[in-house]
Amino acid sequence: MMRDSNNRPVHEEIGSAIDENMERLKEAEHPFKDPHSSFLQQAEGGGPMRRTHLADMPLPVRVFGYVLIAISIVMVIFVAVITFRD
């Protein structure tokens, strides 16, 4: 496969690379399968459903995710403290 200076596939060969990746993704485990939405996912998302890893997201999305998780944990701790305080 030909690559440019940034080690990305050259435009003409991207199609074959996508086909290879699609086959690899189809073989991966799929934690959620819904027969009604799988066609929509393949049409809109470009492939089968798979788990999303927060570490693979852009920085603003990761920060938002980590803040949301932290707020959830603080809320649970706060509720537990208030509940057992009596």
N, C-alpha and C. Protein backbone atom coordinates (compact mmCIF):
# COMPACT_ATOMS: atom_id res chain seq x y z
N MET A 1 0.84 -1.16 0.00
CA MET A 1 0.00 0.00 0.00
C MET A 1 0.90 1.24 0.00
N MET A 2 0.61 2.15 -0.90
CA MET A 2 1.39 3.38 -0.98
C MET A 2 0.94 4.34 0.13
N ARG A 3 1.90 5.08 0.68
CA ARG A 3 1.60 6.01 1.77
C ARG A 3 2.19 7.37 1.45
N ASP A 4 1.56 8.42 1.98
CA ASP A 4 2.08 9.76 1.77
C ASP A 4 3.10 10.10 2.87
N SER A 5 3.49 11.36 2.95
CA SER A 5 4.53 11.74 3.91
C SER A 5 4.07 11.61 5.36
N ASN A 6 2.77 11.60 5.61
CA ASN A 6 2.24 11.45 6.97
C ASN A 6 1.87 10.01 7.29
N ASN A 7 2.32 9.09 6.46
CA ASN A 7 2.09 7.66 6.62
C ASN A 7 0.61 7.30 6.55
N ARG A 8 -0.16 8.05 5.73
CA ARG A 8 -1.56 7.74 5.48
C ARG A 8 -1.67 7.09 4.10
N PRO A 9 -2.68 6.25 3.88
CA PRO A 9 -2.83 5.62 2.56
C PRO A 9 -3.07 6.65 1.47
N VAL A 10 -2.51 6.40 0.31
CA VAL A 10 -2.72 7.28 -0.84
C VAL A 10 -4.16 7.11 -1.32
N HIS A 11 -4.74 8.17 -1.88
CA HIS A 11 -6.15 8.22 -2.24
C HIS A 11 -6.61 7.02 -3.08
N GLU A 12 -5.83 6.59 -4.04
CA GLU A 12 -6.25 5.52 -4.93
C GLU A 12 -6.40 4.19 -4.20
N GLU A 13 -5.69 4.03 -3.11
CA GLU A 13 -5.72 2.74 -2.43
C GLU A 13 -6.58 2.74 -1.18
N ILE A 14 -7.24 3.83 -0.91
CA ILE A 14 -8.07 3.90 0.29
C ILE A 14 -9.24 2.93 0.20
N GLY A 15 -9.81 2.75 -0.98
CA GLY A 15 -10.94 1.84 -1.15
C GLY A 15 -10.61 0.43 -0.74
N SER A 16 -9.45 -0.09 -1.15
CA SER A 16 -9.08 -1.45 -0.76
C SER A 16 -8.78 -1.52 0.73
N ALA A 17 -8.21 -0.46 1.29
CA ALA A 17 -7.94 -0.44 2.73
C ALA A 17 -9.24 -0.46 3.52
N ILE A 18 -10.24 0.26 3.03
CA ILE A 18 -11.54 0.28 3.71
C ILE A 18 -12.18 -1.10 3.65
N ASP A 19 -12.08 -1.78 2.50
CA ASP A 19 -12.63 -3.12 2.39
C ASP A 19 -11.96 -4.08 3.37
N GLU A 20 -10.63 -3.98 3.50
CA GLU A 20 -9.91 -4.84 4.43
C GLU A 20 -10.34 -4.56 5.87
N ASN A 21 -10.48 -3.28 6.20
CA ASN A 21 -10.89 -2.92 7.56
C ASN A 21 -12.32 -3.36 7.85
N MET A 22 -13.20 -3.28 6.85
CA MET A 22 -14.58 -3.71 7.05
C MET A 22 -14.64 -5.20 7.37
N GLU A 23 -13.84 -6.00 6.69
CA GLU A 23 -13.82 -7.43 6.96
C GLU A 23 -13.31 -7.70 8.38
N ARG A 24 -12.29 -6.96 8.78
CA ARG A 24 -11.73 -7.13 10.13
C ARG A 24 -12.76 -6.72 11.18
N LEU A 25 -13.49 -5.63 10.94
CA LEU A 25 -14.49 -5.18 11.89
C LEU A 25 -15.67 -6.14 11.99
N LYS A 26 -16.03 -6.77 10.89
CA LYS A 26 -17.14 -7.72 10.91
C LYS A 26 -16.79 -8.94 11.76
N GLU A 27 -15.49 -9.28 11.82
CA GLU A 27 -15.07 -10.43 12.60
C GLU A 27 -14.94 -10.10 14.09
N ALA A 28 -14.86 -8.81 14.44
CA ALA A 28 -14.73 -8.40 15.84
C ALA A 28 -16.03 -8.68 16.58
N GLU A 29 -15.92 -8.75 17.90
CA GLU A 29 -17.13 -9.02 18.69
C GLU A 29 -18.02 -7.78 18.72
N HIS A 30 -19.32 -8.03 18.65
CA HIS A 30 -20.30 -6.94 18.64
C HIS A 30 -21.17 -7.10 19.88
N PRO A 31 -21.00 -6.22 20.89
CA PRO A 31 -21.77 -6.39 22.12
C PRO A 31 -23.26 -6.09 21.98
N PHE A 32 -23.64 -5.32 20.98
CA PHE A 32 -25.05 -4.95 20.83
C PHE A 32 -25.46 -5.19 19.39
N LYS A 33 -26.45 -6.04 19.20
CA LYS A 33 -26.97 -6.29 17.86
C LYS A 33 -28.48 -6.12 17.88
N ASP A 34 -28.96 -5.18 17.12
CA ASP A 34 -30.39 -4.97 16.98
C ASP A 34 -30.71 -5.09 15.50
N PRO A 35 -31.51 -6.07 15.10
CA PRO A 35 -31.77 -6.27 13.67
C PRO A 35 -32.46 -5.09 13.02
N HIS A 36 -33.17 -4.27 13.81
CA HIS A 36 -33.88 -3.14 13.23
C HIS A 36 -32.97 -1.95 12.97
N SER A 37 -31.92 -1.80 13.75
CA SER A 37 -31.05 -0.62 13.58
C SER A 37 -29.70 -0.96 12.97
N SER A 38 -29.39 -2.23 12.74
CA SER A 38 -28.08 -2.57 12.19
C SER A 38 -27.91 -2.03 10.77
N PHE A 39 -28.97 -2.04 9.96
CA PHE A 39 -28.87 -1.50 8.61
C PHE A 39 -28.61 0.00 8.66
N LEU A 40 -29.30 0.70 9.56
CA LEU A 40 -29.09 2.15 9.68
C LEU A 40 -27.68 2.46 10.14
N GLN A 41 -27.14 1.66 11.06
CA GLN A 41 -25.78 1.88 11.54
C GLN A 41 -24.78 1.69 10.41
N GLN A 42 -24.97 0.67 9.60
CA GLN A 42 -24.04 0.44 8.49
C GLN A 42 -24.15 1.55 7.46
N ALA A 43 -25.35 2.08 7.24
CA ALA A 43 -25.53 3.14 6.25
C ALA A 43 -24.99 4.47 6.76
N GLU A 44 -25.25 4.80 8.01
CA GLU A 44 -24.85 6.09 8.56
C GLU A 44 -23.43 6.09 9.10
N GLY A 45 -23.07 5.04 9.81
CA GLY A 45 -21.78 5.03 10.50
C GLY A 45 -20.66 4.40 9.71
N GLY A 46 -20.95 3.76 8.62
CA GLY A 46 -19.90 3.18 7.79
C GLY A 46 -19.40 1.84 8.27
N GLY A 47 -20.13 1.15 9.09
CA GLY A 47 -19.67 -0.16 9.55
C GLY A 47 -20.58 -0.71 10.62
N PRO A 48 -20.26 -1.91 11.09
CA PRO A 48 -21.08 -2.53 12.12
C PRO A 48 -20.91 -1.81 13.46
N MET A 49 -21.89 -1.99 14.36
CA MET A 49 -21.80 -1.38 15.67
C MET A 49 -20.64 -1.98 16.44
N ARG A 50 -19.93 -1.14 17.17
CA ARG A 50 -18.84 -1.61 18.01
C ARG A 50 -18.70 -0.66 19.20
N ARG A 51 -17.99 -1.11 20.21
CA ARG A 51 -17.81 -0.30 21.42
C ARG A 51 -17.01 0.95 21.10
N THR A 52 -17.33 2.03 21.78
CA THR A 52 -16.61 3.28 21.63
C THR A 52 -15.68 3.45 22.82
N HIS A 53 -14.42 3.72 22.54
CA HIS A 53 -13.43 3.91 23.60
C HIS A 53 -13.21 5.40 23.78
N LEU A 54 -13.34 5.88 25.01
CA LEU A 54 -13.20 7.30 25.29
C LEU A 54 -11.80 7.80 24.96
N ALA A 55 -10.79 6.94 25.07
CA ALA A 55 -9.40 7.36 24.81
C ALA A 55 -9.17 7.66 23.33
N ASP A 56 -10.02 7.14 22.45
CA ASP A 56 -9.86 7.37 21.01
C ASP A 56 -10.54 8.65 20.53
N MET A 57 -11.26 9.33 21.40
CA MET A 57 -12.00 10.53 21.02
C MET A 57 -11.10 11.77 21.02
N PRO A 58 -11.53 12.83 20.34
CA PRO A 58 -10.78 14.09 20.39
C PRO A 58 -10.76 14.66 21.82
N LEU A 59 -9.80 15.52 22.10
CA LEU A 59 -9.60 16.04 23.45
C LEU A 59 -10.84 16.69 24.06
N PRO A 60 -11.57 17.58 23.36
CA PRO A 60 -12.75 18.18 23.99
C PRO A 60 -13.82 17.15 24.37
N VAL A 61 -13.99 16.14 23.56
CA VAL A 61 -14.98 15.10 23.86
C VAL A 61 -14.51 14.27 25.06
N ARG A 62 -13.21 13.97 25.12
CA ARG A 62 -12.67 13.23 26.26
C ARG A 62 -12.84 14.01 27.55
N VAL A 63 -12.51 15.31 27.52
CA VAL A 63 -12.64 16.15 28.72
C VAL A 63 -14.10 16.17 29.17
N PHE A 64 -15.02 16.36 28.23
CA PHE A 64 -16.45 16.35 28.57
C PHE A 64 -16.85 15.01 29.19
N GLY A 65 -16.38 13.92 28.61
CA GLY A 65 -16.71 12.59 29.14
C GLY A 65 -16.16 12.37 30.53
N TYR A 66 -14.90 12.77 30.74
CA TYR A 66 -14.29 12.60 32.07
C TYR A 66 -14.99 13.48 33.11
N VAL A 67 -15.37 14.70 32.73
CA VAL A 67 -16.09 15.59 33.66
C VAL A 67 -17.45 14.99 33.99
N LEU A 68 -18.13 14.45 33.00
CA LEU A 68 -19.43 13.83 33.24
C LEU A 68 -19.31 12.63 34.17
N ILE A 69 -18.30 11.81 33.97
CA ILE A 69 -18.07 10.66 34.85
C ILE A 69 -17.74 11.13 36.26
N ALA A 70 -16.89 12.16 36.39
CA ALA A 70 -16.52 12.67 37.71
C ALA A 70 -17.74 13.24 38.44
N ILE A 71 -18.57 13.99 37.73
CA ILE A 71 -19.78 14.54 38.35
C ILE A 71 -20.71 13.42 38.82
N SER A 72 -20.83 12.37 38.03
CA SER A 72 -21.68 11.24 38.42
C SER A 72 -21.16 10.58 39.69
N ILE A 73 -19.85 10.39 39.78
CA ILE A 73 -19.25 9.76 40.97
C ILE A 73 -19.45 10.65 42.19
N VAL A 74 -19.22 11.95 42.04
CA VAL A 74 -19.40 12.89 43.16
C VAL A 74 -20.86 12.89 43.62
N MET A 75 -21.80 12.83 42.69
CA MET A 75 -23.22 12.80 43.05
C MET A 75 -23.56 11.54 43.85
N VAL A 76 -23.03 10.40 43.43
CA VAL A 76 -23.29 9.15 44.15
C VAL A 76 -22.72 9.22 45.56
N ILE A 77 -21.50 9.73 45.69
CA ILE A 77 -20.88 9.87 47.02
C ILE A 77 -21.69 10.84 47.88
N PHE A 78 -22.11 11.95 47.30
CA PHE A 78 -22.89 12.94 48.04
C PHE A 78 -24.21 12.34 48.53
N VAL A 79 -24.90 11.61 47.69
CA VAL A 79 -26.16 10.97 48.09
C VAL A 79 -25.91 9.95 49.19
N ALA A 80 -24.83 9.17 49.08
CA ALA A 80 -24.52 8.18 50.11
C ALA A 80 -24.22 8.86 51.44
N VAL A 81 -23.48 9.95 51.43
CA VAL A 81 -23.15 10.66 52.67
C VAL A 81 -24.41 11.24 53.30
N ILE A 82 -25.25 11.87 52.49
CA ILE A 82 -26.50 12.45 53.01
C ILE A 82 -27.42 11.37 53.56
N THR A 83 -27.48 10.22 52.90
CA THR A 83 -28.36 9.14 53.32
C THR A 83 -27.92 8.54 54.65
N PHE A 84 -26.63 8.29 54.81
CA PHE A 84 -26.14 7.62 56.01
C PHE A 84 -25.81 8.59 57.15
N ARG A 85 -26.04 9.85 56.96
CA ARG A 85 -25.73 10.86 57.96
C ARG A 85 -26.68 10.82 59.16
N ASP A 86 -27.89 10.41 58.92
CA ASP A 86 -28.90 10.42 59.99
C ASP A 86 -28.64 9.40 61.02
